[in-house]
Amino acid sequence: QVQLVESGGGLVQAGGSLRLSCAASGNIFSITTMGWYRQAPGKQRELVAVISMDGHATNYKDSVRARFTISRDNTENTVYLQMNSLKPEDTAVYYCNAMVQISQVNYWGQGTQVTVSS
């Protein structure tokens, strides 16, 4: 089992920045990748960014690639999402994800609200 606890959401004006954190605990050695997803009202959950456990491989949703940065601190078992130049369309609940490839199990955090005002 893996437990994920997110923090860092909030309300920000367009053009502002936020940093989300996701602390993992439990069987962290089983994790293959960690990432961030988001879900806006009335829309499907979508991938925002993902990072490999060694931190060398990352992938981003095209619309955030130039503005968001995913990183990890293995000493703290924490993944971060630095979000800059935020836009109203970034408003959503952001969920941390940990994927265990060998079992094809996905773990999710409780979600943190990000609201960008225009």
N, C-alpha and C. Protein backbone atom coordinates (compact mmCIF):
# COMPACT_ATOMS: atom_id res chain seq x y z
N GLN A 1 0.83 -1.20 0.00
CA GLN A 1 0.00 0.00 0.00
C GLN A 1 0.87 1.25 0.00
N VAL A 2 0.37 2.25 -0.69
CA VAL A 2 1.04 3.55 -0.76
C VAL A 2 0.04 4.62 -0.34
N GLN A 3 0.48 5.52 0.49
CA GLN A 3 -0.37 6.64 0.90
C GLN A 3 0.24 7.93 0.34
N LEU A 4 -0.64 8.80 -0.14
CA LEU A 4 -0.22 10.06 -0.74
C LEU A 4 -0.96 11.20 -0.06
N VAL A 5 -0.21 12.22 0.34
CA VAL A 5 -0.81 13.39 0.97
C VAL A 5 -0.36 14.64 0.22
N GLU A 6 -1.33 15.36 -0.31
CA GLU A 6 -1.04 16.55 -1.11
C GLU A 6 -1.20 17.81 -0.27
N SER A 7 -0.52 18.86 -0.71
CA SER A 7 -0.68 20.17 -0.10
C SER A 7 -0.27 21.22 -1.10
N GLY A 8 -0.67 22.46 -0.84
CA GLY A 8 -0.19 23.56 -1.65
C GLY A 8 -1.19 24.21 -2.58
N GLY A 9 -2.40 23.70 -2.64
CA GLY A 9 -3.38 24.34 -3.50
C GLY A 9 -3.85 25.66 -2.92
N GLY A 10 -4.70 26.35 -3.69
CA GLY A 10 -5.24 27.61 -3.19
C GLY A 10 -5.78 28.47 -4.30
N LEU A 11 -6.00 29.72 -3.96
CA LEU A 11 -6.54 30.71 -4.89
C LEU A 11 -5.43 31.66 -5.29
N VAL A 12 -5.29 31.88 -6.58
CA VAL A 12 -4.26 32.76 -7.09
C VAL A 12 -4.79 33.51 -8.30
N GLN A 13 -4.28 34.70 -8.53
CA GLN A 13 -4.67 35.46 -9.71
C GLN A 13 -3.94 34.94 -10.94
N ALA A 14 -4.53 35.17 -12.09
CA ALA A 14 -3.91 34.78 -13.35
C ALA A 14 -2.50 35.40 -13.44
N GLY A 15 -1.56 34.58 -13.90
CA GLY A 15 -0.18 35.02 -13.97
C GLY A 15 0.63 34.67 -12.74
N GLY A 16 -0.04 34.24 -11.70
CA GLY A 16 0.63 33.91 -10.46
C GLY A 16 1.20 32.49 -10.46
N SER A 17 1.74 32.09 -9.31
CA SER A 17 2.39 30.80 -9.17
C SER A 17 1.90 30.07 -7.93
N LEU A 18 1.96 28.74 -8.00
CA LEU A 18 1.69 27.88 -6.85
C LEU A 18 2.62 26.69 -6.95
N ARG A 19 2.93 26.10 -5.80
CA ARG A 19 3.69 24.85 -5.79
C ARG A 19 2.91 23.82 -5.01
N LEU A 20 2.63 22.71 -5.68
CA LEU A 20 1.96 21.59 -5.04
C LEU A 20 3.00 20.58 -4.55
N SER A 21 2.71 19.96 -3.42
CA SER A 21 3.58 18.92 -2.88
C SER A 21 2.78 17.65 -2.67
N CYS A 22 3.45 16.52 -2.83
CA CYS A 22 2.82 15.22 -2.60
C CYS A 22 3.81 14.33 -1.87
N ALA A 23 3.50 14.02 -0.63
CA ALA A 23 4.37 13.18 0.18
C ALA A 23 3.87 11.74 0.13
N ALA A 24 4.76 10.83 -0.22
CA ALA A 24 4.41 9.42 -0.31
C ALA A 24 4.94 8.67 0.91
N SER A 25 4.16 7.70 1.35
CA SER A 25 4.58 6.83 2.45
C SER A 25 4.06 5.42 2.21
N GLY A 26 4.55 4.49 3.00
CA GLY A 26 4.15 3.10 2.81
C GLY A 26 5.17 2.36 1.96
N ASN A 27 4.71 1.56 1.05
CA ASN A 27 5.57 0.73 0.20
C ASN A 27 6.09 1.54 -0.98
N ILE A 28 6.88 2.57 -0.70
CA ILE A 28 7.32 3.50 -1.74
C ILE A 28 8.29 2.86 -2.71
N PHE A 29 8.95 1.78 -2.32
CA PHE A 29 9.93 1.15 -3.21
C PHE A 29 9.26 0.43 -4.37
N SER A 30 7.96 0.25 -4.29
CA SER A 30 7.21 -0.40 -5.37
C SER A 30 6.78 0.58 -6.44
N ILE A 31 6.92 1.88 -6.18
CA ILE A 31 6.40 2.89 -7.10
C ILE A 31 7.28 2.99 -8.34
N THR A 32 6.63 3.05 -9.51
CA THR A 32 7.35 3.19 -10.78
C THR A 32 7.41 4.65 -11.21
N THR A 33 6.29 5.30 -11.21
CA THR A 33 6.23 6.71 -11.57
C THR A 33 5.28 7.43 -10.61
N MET A 34 5.49 8.72 -10.50
CA MET A 34 4.54 9.57 -9.77
C MET A 34 4.18 10.74 -10.66
N GLY A 35 2.99 11.26 -10.46
CA GLY A 35 2.56 12.34 -11.31
C GLY A 35 1.41 13.13 -10.73
N TRP A 36 0.98 14.10 -11.50
CA TRP A 36 -0.14 14.96 -11.14
C TRP A 36 -1.19 14.89 -12.23
N TYR A 37 -2.41 14.74 -11.82
CA TYR A 37 -3.57 14.80 -12.68
C TYR A 37 -4.47 15.92 -12.18
N ARG A 38 -5.38 16.34 -13.04
CA ARG A 38 -6.35 17.36 -12.60
C ARG A 38 -7.71 17.05 -13.20
N GLN A 39 -8.72 17.53 -12.50
CA GLN A 39 -10.08 17.35 -12.97
C GLN A 39 -10.87 18.63 -12.72
N ALA A 40 -11.32 19.22 -13.80
CA ALA A 40 -12.15 20.42 -13.72
C ALA A 40 -13.61 20.00 -13.70
N PRO A 41 -14.50 20.85 -13.20
CA PRO A 41 -15.92 20.50 -13.14
C PRO A 41 -16.46 20.11 -14.52
N GLY A 42 -17.12 18.98 -14.58
CA GLY A 42 -17.74 18.54 -15.82
C GLY A 42 -16.77 17.95 -16.83
N LYS A 43 -15.51 17.79 -16.44
CA LYS A 43 -14.52 17.25 -17.37
C LYS A 43 -13.88 16.00 -16.80
N GLN A 44 -13.25 15.25 -17.67
CA GLN A 44 -12.56 14.04 -17.24
C GLN A 44 -11.22 14.40 -16.59
N ARG A 45 -10.77 13.50 -15.74
CA ARG A 45 -9.46 13.69 -15.13
C ARG A 45 -8.39 13.54 -16.22
N GLU A 46 -7.39 14.42 -16.20
CA GLU A 46 -6.37 14.40 -17.23
C GLU A 46 -4.97 14.47 -16.62
N LEU A 47 -4.03 13.88 -17.34
CA LEU A 47 -2.64 13.91 -16.89
C LEU A 47 -2.07 15.32 -17.08
N VAL A 48 -1.38 15.80 -16.07
CA VAL A 48 -0.71 17.09 -16.15
C VAL A 48 0.79 16.88 -16.32
N ALA A 49 1.39 16.06 -15.46
CA ALA A 49 2.82 15.82 -15.53
C ALA A 49 3.14 14.52 -14.80
N VAL A 50 4.19 13.84 -15.25
CA VAL A 50 4.60 12.60 -14.63
C VAL A 50 6.12 12.55 -14.60
N ILE A 51 6.67 11.87 -13.59
CA ILE A 51 8.12 11.77 -13.43
C ILE A 51 8.48 10.36 -13.02
N SER A 52 9.60 9.87 -13.53
CA SER A 52 10.08 8.54 -13.15
C SER A 52 10.69 8.60 -11.76
N MET A 53 10.87 7.46 -11.17
CA MET A 53 11.36 7.42 -9.80
C MET A 53 12.78 7.91 -9.68
N ASP A 54 13.56 7.78 -10.76
CA ASP A 54 14.93 8.30 -10.71
C ASP A 54 14.99 9.77 -11.08
N GLY A 55 13.87 10.32 -11.49
CA GLY A 55 13.79 11.74 -11.81
C GLY A 55 14.31 12.11 -13.18
N HIS A 56 14.76 11.15 -13.96
CA HIS A 56 15.37 11.47 -15.24
C HIS A 56 14.35 11.63 -16.36
N ALA A 57 13.22 11.03 -16.22
CA ALA A 57 12.20 11.07 -17.28
C ALA A 57 10.98 11.82 -16.80
N THR A 58 10.54 12.77 -17.61
CA THR A 58 9.34 13.53 -17.30
C THR A 58 8.48 13.63 -18.56
N ASN A 59 7.20 13.89 -18.34
CA ASN A 59 6.30 14.12 -19.46
C ASN A 59 5.24 15.09 -18.99
N TYR A 60 4.77 15.93 -19.91
CA TYR A 60 3.82 16.98 -19.56
C TYR A 60 2.68 17.04 -20.57
N LYS A 61 1.55 17.48 -20.08
CA LYS A 61 0.46 17.89 -20.97
C LYS A 61 0.98 19.09 -21.78
N ASP A 62 0.66 19.11 -23.06
CA ASP A 62 1.22 20.14 -23.93
C ASP A 62 0.95 21.56 -23.44
N SER A 63 -0.23 21.79 -22.93
CA SER A 63 -0.62 23.15 -22.57
C SER A 63 0.08 23.67 -21.31
N VAL A 64 0.77 22.79 -20.58
CA VAL A 64 1.46 23.23 -19.37
C VAL A 64 2.97 23.10 -19.47
N ARG A 65 3.45 22.52 -20.54
CA ARG A 65 4.87 22.15 -20.65
C ARG A 65 5.80 23.33 -20.39
N ALA A 66 5.45 24.48 -20.90
CA ALA A 66 6.34 25.64 -20.76
C ALA A 66 6.14 26.38 -19.44
N ARG A 67 5.14 25.98 -18.66
CA ARG A 67 4.80 26.74 -17.45
C ARG A 67 4.96 25.94 -16.16
N PHE A 68 4.81 24.63 -16.24
CA PHE A 68 4.85 23.79 -15.05
C PHE A 68 6.14 22.96 -15.03
N THR A 69 6.61 22.66 -13.84
CA THR A 69 7.78 21.80 -13.68
C THR A 69 7.51 20.77 -12.59
N ILE A 70 7.69 19.50 -12.94
CA ILE A 70 7.55 18.43 -11.95
C ILE A 70 8.95 18.03 -11.49
N SER A 71 9.08 17.79 -10.21
CA SER A 71 10.37 17.38 -9.66
C SER A 71 10.13 16.46 -8.47
N ARG A 72 11.20 15.84 -7.98
CA ARG A 72 11.04 14.94 -6.85
C ARG A 72 12.23 15.05 -5.93
N ASP A 73 11.99 14.80 -4.67
CA ASP A 73 13.04 14.75 -3.66
C ASP A 73 12.95 13.38 -3.02
N ASN A 74 13.84 12.50 -3.42
CA ASN A 74 13.76 11.13 -2.93
C ASN A 74 14.11 11.01 -1.44
N THR A 75 14.85 11.97 -0.94
CA THR A 75 15.17 11.91 0.49
C THR A 75 13.92 12.19 1.33
N GLU A 76 12.99 12.93 0.74
CA GLU A 76 11.74 13.26 1.45
C GLU A 76 10.56 12.48 0.90
N ASN A 77 10.80 11.63 -0.11
CA ASN A 77 9.71 10.88 -0.76
C ASN A 77 8.58 11.82 -1.18
N THR A 78 8.97 12.92 -1.77
CA THR A 78 8.01 13.96 -2.12
C THR A 78 8.17 14.36 -3.58
N VAL A 79 7.04 14.57 -4.23
CA VAL A 79 7.01 15.08 -5.59
C VAL A 79 6.37 16.47 -5.57
N TYR A 80 6.91 17.34 -6.38
CA TYR A 80 6.45 18.72 -6.44
C TYR A 80 5.94 19.04 -7.84
N LEU A 81 5.02 19.99 -7.89
CA LEU A 81 4.59 20.56 -9.16
C LEU A 81 4.64 22.07 -9.02
N GLN A 82 5.64 22.68 -9.64
CA GLN A 82 5.75 24.13 -9.66
C GLN A 82 4.94 24.65 -10.83
N MET A 83 3.97 25.49 -10.54
CA MET A 83 3.08 26.00 -11.57
C MET A 83 3.25 27.51 -11.66
N ASN A 84 3.73 27.95 -12.81
CA ASN A 84 3.94 29.38 -13.06
C ASN A 84 3.01 29.87 -14.15
N SER A 85 2.86 31.17 -14.23
CA SER A 85 2.01 31.79 -15.27
C SER A 85 0.65 31.12 -15.33
N LEU A 86 0.03 30.94 -14.20
CA LEU A 86 -1.24 30.22 -14.13
C LEU A 86 -2.33 30.96 -14.88
N LYS A 87 -3.22 30.18 -15.47
CA LYS A 87 -4.33 30.69 -16.26
C LYS A 87 -5.64 30.21 -15.64
N PRO A 88 -6.73 30.93 -15.89
CA PRO A 88 -8.03 30.47 -15.35
C PRO A 88 -8.35 29.03 -15.77
N GLU A 89 -7.93 28.63 -16.94
CA GLU A 89 -8.22 27.26 -17.40
C GLU A 89 -7.42 26.20 -16.66
N ASP A 90 -6.49 26.60 -15.81
CA ASP A 90 -5.79 25.65 -14.95
C ASP A 90 -6.60 25.32 -13.69
N THR A 91 -7.69 26.01 -13.50
CA THR A 91 -8.53 25.76 -12.33
C THR A 91 -9.06 24.34 -12.35
N ALA A 92 -8.82 23.62 -11.27
CA ALA A 92 -9.23 22.22 -11.18
C ALA A 92 -8.84 21.67 -9.80
N VAL A 93 -9.31 20.48 -9.53
CA VAL A 93 -8.78 19.73 -8.39
C VAL A 93 -7.58 18.93 -8.91
N TYR A 94 -6.45 19.08 -8.26
CA TYR A 94 -5.23 18.41 -8.66
C TYR A 94 -5.00 17.20 -7.76
N TYR A 95 -4.75 16.06 -8.39
CA TYR A 95 -4.56 14.81 -7.68
C TYR A 95 -3.14 14.28 -7.90
N CYS A 96 -2.53 13.86 -6.83
CA CYS A 96 -1.25 13.17 -6.93
C CYS A 96 -1.49 11.69 -7.23
N ASN A 97 -0.64 11.13 -8.06
CA ASN A 97 -0.77 9.73 -8.46
C ASN A 97 0.56 9.02 -8.29
N ALA A 98 0.48 7.78 -7.85
CA ALA A 98 1.64 6.89 -7.81
C ALA A 98 1.26 5.60 -8.50
N MET A 99 2.07 5.20 -9.45
CA MET A 99 1.74 3.99 -10.21
C MET A 99 2.76 2.91 -9.92
N VAL A 100 2.26 1.73 -9.62
CA VAL A 100 3.09 0.55 -9.41
C VAL A 100 2.94 -0.32 -10.64
N GLN A 101 3.97 -0.30 -11.48
CA GLN A 101 3.85 -0.95 -12.78
C GLN A 101 3.69 -2.45 -12.66
N ILE A 102 4.39 -3.07 -11.74
CA ILE A 102 4.38 -4.53 -11.66
C ILE A 102 2.99 -5.06 -11.35
N SER A 103 2.20 -4.31 -10.64
CA SER A 103 0.85 -4.76 -10.28
C SER A 103 -0.22 -3.97 -11.03
N GLN A 104 0.21 -2.95 -11.77
CA GLN A 104 -0.71 -2.08 -12.49
C GLN A 104 -1.73 -1.43 -11.55
N VAL A 105 -1.27 -1.10 -10.37
CA VAL A 105 -2.14 -0.44 -9.39
C VAL A 105 -1.78 1.04 -9.34
N ASN A 106 -2.81 1.87 -9.33
CA ASN A 106 -2.65 3.31 -9.17
C ASN A 106 -3.15 3.74 -7.80
N TYR A 107 -2.36 4.57 -7.15
CA TYR A 107 -2.76 5.16 -5.88
C TYR A 107 -3.00 6.65 -6.09
N TRP A 108 -3.95 7.19 -5.33
CA TRP A 108 -4.34 8.59 -5.50
C TRP A 108 -4.34 9.31 -4.17
N GLY A 109 -3.98 10.58 -4.23
CA GLY A 109 -4.15 11.44 -3.07
C GLY A 109 -5.59 11.92 -2.99
N GLN A 110 -5.85 12.72 -1.97
CA GLN A 110 -7.23 13.18 -1.73
C GLN A 110 -7.61 14.35 -2.63
N GLY A 111 -6.65 14.96 -3.28
CA GLY A 111 -6.92 16.09 -4.16
C GLY A 111 -6.75 17.42 -3.46
N THR A 112 -6.30 18.41 -4.21
CA THR A 112 -6.16 19.75 -3.67
C THR A 112 -6.68 20.74 -4.72
N GLN A 113 -7.49 21.68 -4.28
CA GLN A 113 -8.14 22.62 -5.20
C GLN A 113 -7.18 23.73 -5.59
N VAL A 114 -7.10 23.98 -6.89
CA VAL A 114 -6.37 25.12 -7.43
C VAL A 114 -7.37 25.98 -8.19
N THR A 115 -7.48 27.23 -7.78
CA THR A 115 -8.40 28.15 -8.42
C THR A 115 -7.62 29.36 -8.90
N VAL A 116 -7.74 29.65 -10.20
CA VAL A 116 -7.05 30.78 -10.80
C VAL A 116 -8.09 31.80 -11.24
N SER A 117 -8.04 32.97 -10.66
CA SER A 117 -9.01 34.01 -10.99
C SER A 117 -8.47 34.89 -12.12
N SER A 118 -9.39 35.38 -12.92
CA SER A 118 -8.98 36.23 -14.07
C SER A 118 -8.93 37.69 -13.68
